[in-house]
Amino acid sequence: MKKLGLATGAVVGIFLTAALLGLMYLGRQAADLPFAPFDQFNWMARELPGDLVTFGIDLMIDTMLFLHISVVDAAKTAEQIMAVTQFLAIGIFAGAAYFAIMKSRGTNTSPSPASPAASAPVSSAPPAGLESAPKTFWRTLVYRKAPVISSSVVEMVFMRPSTWN
């Protein structure tokens, strides 16, 4: 069987992350559940050094002014696009890293879902805080169970095609 590498991992990462984004967006629209990319973006803005955040905001405003876009009308939309893009980029990187680790091990089997390779990118997510039970359940599903599901999908689709009937 051909060993799968970075490009395959990036493709798997983008598709799984896009599906996860769709599921999270549906949860936000249908039941007003938290949308992880926005939460993660806000968490990073609070945790990063103030000078770096200020530089990013200034760069965003300067870009909007250069493109003759109203800062007042488009700032929130630009922030949301950045949050979703950042989340998608992390998913692509996580998929590529996962497959690179698997290739370096010289194995075609998936690591256990509890291994660092499967859960590290998402397990560093911001804490849930004190919220209602459905929102806490939703965050647990998104941040803790998504890597397990992703690992199972990757193993089923890419690692063991001989089991297909």
C-alpha atoms as a PDB file:
ATOM      1  CA  MET A   1       0.000   0.000   0.000  1.00  0.00           C
ATOM      2  CA  LYS A   2       1.243   3.493  -0.844  1.00  0.00           C
ATOM      3  CA  LYS A   3       2.305   5.569   2.139  1.00  0.00           C
ATOM      4  CA  LEU A   4       0.255   8.721   2.454  1.00  0.00           C
ATOM      5  CA  GLY A   5       2.039  12.035   3.018  1.00  0.00           C
ATOM      6  CA  LEU A   6       1.604  15.740   3.640  1.00  0.00           C
ATOM      7  CA  ALA A   7      -0.548  16.535   0.608  1.00  0.00           C
ATOM      8  CA  THR A   8      -3.023  13.781   1.412  1.00  0.00           C
ATOM      9  CA  GLY A   9      -3.080  14.906   5.028  1.00  0.00           C
ATOM     10  CA  ALA A  10      -3.773  18.493   4.010  1.00  0.00           C
ATOM     11  CA  VAL A  11      -6.649  17.386   1.763  1.00  0.00           C
ATOM     12  CA  VAL A  12      -8.100  15.197   4.526  1.00  0.00           C
ATOM     13  CA  GLY A  13      -7.673  18.088   6.959  1.00  0.00           C
ATOM     14  CA  ILE A  14      -9.498  20.573   4.756  1.00  0.00           C
ATOM     15  CA  PHE A  15     -12.418  18.216   4.088  1.00  0.00           C
ATOM     16  CA  LEU A  16     -12.851  17.115   7.704  1.00  0.00           C
ATOM     17  CA  THR A  17     -12.486  20.688   8.984  1.00  0.00           C
ATOM     18  CA  ALA A  18     -14.967  21.984   6.397  1.00  0.00           C
ATOM     19  CA  ALA A  19     -17.463  19.323   7.466  1.00  0.00           C
ATOM     20  CA  LEU A  20     -16.872  20.200  11.119  1.00  0.00           C
ATOM     21  CA  LEU A  21     -17.360  23.904  10.336  1.00  0.00           C
ATOM     22  CA  GLY A  22     -20.643  23.097   8.620  1.00  0.00           C
ATOM     23  CA  LEU A  23     -21.838  21.058  11.586  1.00  0.00           C
ATOM     24  CA  MET A  24     -20.854  23.794  14.041  1.00  0.00           C
ATOM     25  CA  TYR A  25     -22.542  26.474  11.926  1.00  0.00           C
ATOM     26  CA  LEU A  26     -25.711  24.388  11.798  1.00  0.00           C
ATOM     27  CA  GLY A  27     -25.602  24.059  15.591  1.00  0.00           C
ATOM     28  CA  ARG A  28     -25.181  27.817  15.920  1.00  0.00           C
ATOM     29  CA  GLN A  29     -28.103  28.602  13.636  1.00  0.00           C
ATOM     30  CA  ALA A  30     -30.459  25.890  14.844  1.00  0.00           C
ATOM     31  CA  ALA A  31     -29.851  25.937  18.593  1.00  0.00           C
ATOM     32  CA  ASP A  32     -27.713  29.030  19.282  1.00  0.00           C
ATOM     33  CA  LEU A  33     -24.759  26.824  20.229  1.00  0.00           C
ATOM     34  CA  PRO A  34     -21.234  28.269  20.407  1.00  0.00           C
ATOM     35  CA  PHE A  35     -19.325  28.505  17.117  1.00  0.00           C
ATOM     36  CA  ALA A  36     -15.799  27.291  17.881  1.00  0.00           C
ATOM     37  CA  PRO A  37     -13.914  29.444  15.332  1.00  0.00           C
ATOM     38  CA  PHE A  38     -15.279  32.639  16.896  1.00  0.00           C
ATOM     39  CA  ASP A  39     -14.573  31.409  20.410  1.00  0.00           C
ATOM     40  CA  GLN A  40     -11.054  30.376  19.463  1.00  0.00           C
ATOM     41  CA  PHE A  41     -10.388  33.701  17.728  1.00  0.00           C
ATOM     42  CA  ASN A  42     -11.629  35.681  20.742  1.00  0.00           C
ATOM     43  CA  TRP A  43      -9.583  33.494  23.092  1.00  0.00           C
ATOM     44  CA  MET A  44      -6.445  34.092  21.021  1.00  0.00           C
ATOM     45  CA  ALA A  45      -7.089  37.850  20.975  1.00  0.00           C
ATOM     46  CA  ARG A  46      -7.239  37.819  24.787  1.00  0.00           C
ATOM     47  CA  GLU A  47      -4.136  35.634  25.198  1.00  0.00           C
ATOM     48  CA  LEU A  48      -1.803  37.160  22.596  1.00  0.00           C
ATOM     49  CA  PRO A  49       0.384  40.149  23.498  1.00  0.00           C
ATOM     50  CA  GLY A  50      -1.448  43.459  23.108  1.00  0.00           C
ATOM     51  CA  ASP A  51       1.086  44.859  20.632  1.00  0.00           C
ATOM     52  CA  LEU A  52       0.540  41.926  18.288  1.00  0.00           C
ATOM     53  CA  VAL A  53      -3.255  42.268  18.455  1.00  0.00           C
ATOM     54  CA  THR A  54      -2.988  46.028  17.865  1.00  0.00           C
ATOM     55  CA  PHE A  55      -0.715  45.415  14.873  1.00  0.00           C
ATOM     56  CA  GLY A  56      -3.258  42.971  13.409  1.00  0.00           C
ATOM     57  CA  ILE A  57      -6.157  45.377  13.899  1.00  0.00           C
ATOM     58  CA  ASP A  58      -4.192  48.260  12.375  1.00  0.00           C
ATOM     59  CA  LEU A  59      -3.215  46.096   9.409  1.00  0.00           C
ATOM     60  CA  MET A  60      -6.845  45.084   8.867  1.00  0.00           C
ATOM     61  CA  ILE A  61      -8.014  48.713   9.008  1.00  0.00           C
ATOM     62  CA  ASP A  62      -5.245  49.905   6.673  1.00  0.00           C
ATOM     63  CA  THR A  63      -6.146  47.159   4.180  1.00  0.00           C
ATOM     64  CA  MET A  64      -9.814  48.142   4.258  1.00  0.00           C
ATOM     65  CA  LEU A  65      -8.965  51.799   3.762  1.00  0.00           C
ATOM     66  CA  PHE A  66      -6.626  50.926   0.878  1.00  0.00           C
ATOM     67  CA  LEU A  67      -9.412  48.929  -0.780  1.00  0.00           C
ATOM     68  CA  HIS A  68     -11.923  51.768  -0.122  1.00  0.00           C
ATOM     69  CA  ILE A  69     -14.087  49.568   2.080  1.00  0.00           C
ATOM     70  CA  SER A  70     -16.019  51.137   4.927  1.00  0.00           C
ATOM     71  CA  VAL A  71     -14.305  50.079   8.148  1.00  0.00           C
ATOM     72  CA  VAL A  72     -17.495  50.581  10.141  1.00  0.00           C
ATOM     73  CA  ASP A  73     -19.523  48.316   7.867  1.00  0.00           C
ATOM     74  CA  ALA A  74     -16.974  45.583   7.207  1.00  0.00           C
ATOM     75  CA  ALA A  75     -14.832  45.223  10.354  1.00  0.00           C
ATOM     76  CA  LYS A  76     -16.980  42.576  12.050  1.00  0.00           C
ATOM     77  CA  THR A  77     -17.377  40.592   8.831  1.00  0.00           C
ATOM     78  CA  ALA A  78     -13.606  40.694   8.243  1.00  0.00           C
ATOM     79  CA  GLU A  79     -13.012  39.483  11.803  1.00  0.00           C
ATOM     80  CA  GLN A  80     -15.404  36.573  11.297  1.00  0.00           C
ATOM     81  CA  ILE A  81     -13.771  35.639   7.989  1.00  0.00           C
ATOM     82  CA  MET A  82     -10.378  35.677   9.699  1.00  0.00           C
ATOM     83  CA  ALA A  83     -11.704  33.432  12.480  1.00  0.00           C
ATOM     84  CA  VAL A  84     -13.102  30.826  10.085  1.00  0.00           C
ATOM     85  CA  THR A  85      -9.983  30.966   7.887  1.00  0.00           C
ATOM     86  CA  GLN A  86      -7.742  30.530  10.926  1.00  0.00           C
ATOM     87  CA  PHE A  87      -9.771  27.520  12.094  1.00  0.00           C
ATOM     88  CA  LEU A  88      -9.628  26.005   8.604  1.00  0.00           C
ATOM     89  CA  ALA A  89      -5.858  26.577   8.402  1.00  0.00           C
ATOM     90  CA  ILE A  90      -5.363  24.844  11.752  1.00  0.00           C
ATOM     91  CA  GLY A  91      -7.394  21.885  10.446  1.00  0.00           C
ATOM     92  CA  ILE A  92      -5.272  21.689   7.284  1.00  0.00           C
ATOM     93  CA  PHE A  93      -2.069  21.861   9.322  1.00  0.00           C
ATOM     94  CA  ALA A  94      -3.338  19.225  11.766  1.00  0.00           C
ATOM     95  CA  GLY A  95      -4.226  16.855   8.913  1.00  0.00           C
ATOM     96  CA  ALA A  96      -0.835  17.322   7.249  1.00  0.00           C
ATOM     97  CA  ALA A  97       0.991  16.873  10.558  1.00  0.00           C
ATOM     98  CA  TYR A  98      -1.011  13.740  11.360  1.00  0.00           C
ATOM     99  CA  PHE A  99      -0.133  12.118   8.047  1.00  0.00           C
ATOM    100  CA  ALA A 100       3.522  13.223   8.314  1.00  0.00           C
ATOM    101  CA  ILE A 101       3.765  11.561  11.722  1.00  0.00           C
ATOM    102  CA  MET A 102       2.171   8.413  10.362  1.00  0.00           C
ATOM    103  CA  LYS A 103       4.559   8.391   7.400  1.00  0.00           C
ATOM    104  CA  SER A 104       7.598   8.902   9.655  1.00  0.00           C
ATOM    105  CA  ARG A 105       6.484   5.933  11.771  1.00  0.00           C
ATOM    106  CA  GLY A 106       6.388   3.826   8.646  1.00  0.00           C
ATOM    107  CA  THR A 107       2.965   2.494   9.465  1.00  0.00           C
ATOM    108  CA  ASN A 108      -0.353   2.377   7.668  1.00  0.00           C
ATOM    109  CA  THR A 109      -2.432   2.094  10.789  1.00  0.00           C
ATOM    110  CA  SER A 110      -3.978   4.932  12.677  1.00  0.00           C
ATOM    111  CA  PRO A 111      -2.717   5.765  16.174  1.00  0.00           C
ATOM    112  CA  SER A 112      -5.134   5.458  19.029  1.00  0.00           C
ATOM    113  CA  PRO A 113      -7.564   8.373  19.222  1.00  0.00           C
ATOM    114  CA  ALA A 114      -6.136   9.351  22.608  1.00  0.00           C
ATOM    115  CA  SER A 115      -2.616   9.794  21.215  1.00  0.00           C
ATOM    116  CA  PRO A 116      -1.089  13.273  20.964  1.00  0.00           C
ATOM    117  CA  ALA A 117      -1.069  13.117  17.169  1.00  0.00           C
ATOM    118  CA  ALA A 118      -4.837  12.708  17.063  1.00  0.00           C
ATOM    119  CA  SER A 119      -5.870  15.124  19.775  1.00  0.00           C
ATOM    120  CA  ALA A 120      -3.168  17.764  20.294  1.00  0.00           C
ATOM    121  CA  PRO A 121      -4.431  20.399  17.823  1.00  0.00           C
ATOM    122  CA  VAL A 122      -7.878  20.561  19.374  1.00  0.00           C
ATOM    123  CA  SER A 123      -7.216  19.661  22.983  1.00  0.00           C
ATOM    124  CA  SER A 124      -5.567  23.037  23.588  1.00  0.00           C
ATOM    125  CA  ALA A 125      -8.892  24.766  22.970  1.00  0.00           C
ATOM    126  CA  PRO A 126     -10.151  27.365  25.418  1.00  0.00           C
ATOM    127  CA  PRO A 127     -11.992  26.080  28.476  1.00  0.00           C
ATOM    128  CA  ALA A 128     -15.749  25.839  28.344  1.00  0.00           C
ATOM    129  CA  GLY A 129     -16.373  28.055  31.373  1.00  0.00           C
ATOM    130  CA  LEU A 130     -19.622  28.087  33.283  1.00  0.00           C
ATOM    131  CA  GLU A 131     -22.405  27.637  30.774  1.00  0.00           C
ATOM    132  CA  SER A 132     -25.598  25.742  30.268  1.00  0.00           C
ATOM    133  CA  ALA A 133     -25.446  21.974  29.871  1.00  0.00           C
ATOM    134  CA  PRO A 134     -26.199  21.917  26.097  1.00  0.00           C
ATOM    135  CA  LYS A 135     -23.436  24.423  25.358  1.00  0.00           C
ATOM    136  CA  THR A 136     -20.960  22.543  27.542  1.00  0.00           C
ATOM    137  CA  PHE A 137     -21.907  19.287  25.798  1.00  0.00           C
ATOM    138  CA  TRP A 138     -21.469  20.977  22.412  1.00  0.00           C
ATOM    139  CA  ARG A 139     -17.999  22.261  23.292  1.00  0.00           C
ATOM    140  CA  THR A 140     -17.007  18.823  24.573  1.00  0.00           C
ATOM    141  CA  LEU A 141     -18.204  17.248  21.348  1.00  0.00           C
ATOM    142  CA  VAL A 142     -16.363  19.776  19.174  1.00  0.00           C
ATOM    143  CA  TYR A 143     -13.097  20.035  21.088  1.00  0.00           C
ATOM    144  CA  ARG A 144     -12.684  16.532  22.512  1.00  0.00           C
ATOM    145  CA  LYS A 145     -14.612  14.097  20.321  1.00  0.00           C
ATOM    146  CA  ALA A 146     -13.915  15.561  16.854  1.00  0.00           C
ATOM    147  CA  PRO A 147     -10.311  14.255  16.833  1.00  0.00           C
ATOM    148  CA  VAL A 148     -11.555  10.764  17.701  1.00  0.00           C
ATOM    149  CA  ILE A 149     -14.142  10.867  14.927  1.00  0.00           C
ATOM    150  CA  SER A 150     -11.572  12.283  12.476  1.00  0.00           C
ATOM    151  CA  SER A 151      -9.102   9.541  13.334  1.00  0.00           C
ATOM    152  CA  SER A 152     -11.758   6.891  12.702  1.00  0.00           C
ATOM    153  CA  VAL A 153     -12.745   8.435   9.365  1.00  0.00           C
ATOM    154  CA  VAL A 154      -9.119   8.638   8.230  1.00  0.00           C
ATOM    155  CA  GLU A 155      -8.514   5.019   9.186  1.00  0.00           C
ATOM    156  CA  MET A 156     -11.691   3.836   7.499  1.00  0.00           C
ATOM    157  CA  VAL A 157     -11.196   5.737   4.231  1.00  0.00           C
ATOM    158  CA  PHE A 158      -7.453   5.826   3.730  1.00  0.00           C
ATOM    159  CA  MET A 159      -5.789   3.194   5.842  1.00  0.00           C
ATOM    160  CA  ARG A 160      -7.901   0.078   5.340  1.00  0.00           C
ATOM    161  CA  PRO A 161      -9.474   0.093   1.877  1.00  0.00           C
ATOM    162  CA  SER A 162      -9.377  -3.711   1.869  1.00  0.00           C
ATOM    163  CA  THR A 163     -12.299  -3.685   4.308  1.00  0.00           C
ATOM    164  CA  TRP A 164     -14.566  -2.014   1.762  1.00  0.00           C
ATOM    165  CA  ASN A 165     -17.243  -4.291   0.359  1.00  0.00           C
END
